[in-house]
Amino acid sequence: MKIRAENLIAAVGELRVGLLAVRDLADTLLSLVEARGRITIFETGFQTWFSVHASRLP
């Protein structure tokens, strides 16, 4: 079986496109996880602040 250079180049190009798509998906998922972590930290901080300061409300 003889592999032509143009077929090899095309296959490498397809592989590259697939790997870039996987990387983009991984970046998106990581961003969502990090955003959720920031929201959780904000919610926890607000709950702590509110529980401390709520007792001072008239």
Protein backbone atom coordinates (compact mmCIF):
# COMPACT_ATOMS: atom_id res chain seq x y z
CA MET A 1 0.00 0.00 0.00
CA LYS A 2 1.49 3.26 -1.13
CA ILE A 3 0.69 6.45 0.76
CA ARG A 4 0.73 9.59 -1.30
CA ALA A 5 2.27 12.70 0.18
CA GLU A 6 -0.86 14.73 -0.52
CA ASN A 7 -3.02 12.18 1.32
CA LEU A 8 -0.64 12.24 4.27
CA ILE A 9 -0.71 16.04 4.36
CA ALA A 10 -4.52 16.01 4.21
CA ALA A 11 -4.69 13.46 7.04
CA VAL A 12 -2.35 15.51 9.22
CA GLY A 13 -4.48 18.58 8.51
CA GLU A 14 -7.63 16.73 9.56
CA LEU A 15 -5.93 15.52 12.72
CA ARG A 16 -4.84 19.07 13.51
CA VAL A 17 -8.40 20.37 13.07
CA GLY A 18 -9.71 17.64 15.37
CA LEU A 19 -7.12 18.37 18.05
CA LEU A 20 -7.87 22.10 17.91
CA ALA A 21 -11.57 21.35 18.38
CA VAL A 22 -10.80 19.18 21.42
CA ARG A 23 -8.58 21.92 22.86
CA ASP A 24 -11.31 24.53 22.36
CA LEU A 25 -13.84 22.28 24.07
CA ALA A 26 -11.47 21.68 26.99
CA ASP A 27 -10.87 25.45 27.33
CA THR A 28 -14.62 26.08 27.34
CA LEU A 29 -15.27 23.44 29.99
CA LEU A 30 -12.43 24.75 32.14
CA SER A 31 -13.82 28.29 31.88
CA LEU A 32 -17.24 27.06 33.00
CA VAL A 33 -15.75 25.22 35.97
CA GLU A 34 -13.67 28.26 36.97
CA ALA A 35 -16.68 30.56 36.61
CA ARG A 36 -18.75 28.26 38.81
CA GLY A 37 -15.97 28.31 41.42
CA ARG A 38 -15.93 32.12 41.44
CA ILE A 39 -19.71 32.25 41.83
CA THR A 40 -19.56 29.81 44.75
CA ILE A 41 -16.85 31.86 46.46
CA PHE A 42 -18.92 35.03 45.94
CA GLU A 43 -22.08 33.39 47.31
CA THR A 44 -20.23 32.06 50.35
CA GLY A 45 -18.65 35.45 51.01
CA PHE A 46 -22.01 37.21 50.72
CA GLN A 47 -23.68 34.71 53.06
CA THR A 48 -20.90 35.21 55.62
CA TRP A 49 -21.10 39.00 55.34
CA PHE A 50 -24.89 38.94 55.63
CA SER A 51 -24.88 36.64 58.66
CA VAL A 52 -22.40 38.93 60.44
CA HIS A 53 -24.13 42.20 59.56
CA ALA A 54 -27.76 41.06 59.73
CA SER A 55 -27.64 41.08 63.53
CA ARG A 56 -26.79 44.80 63.40
CA LEU A 57 -29.85 45.70 61.35
CA PRO A 58 -32.60 47.59 63.24
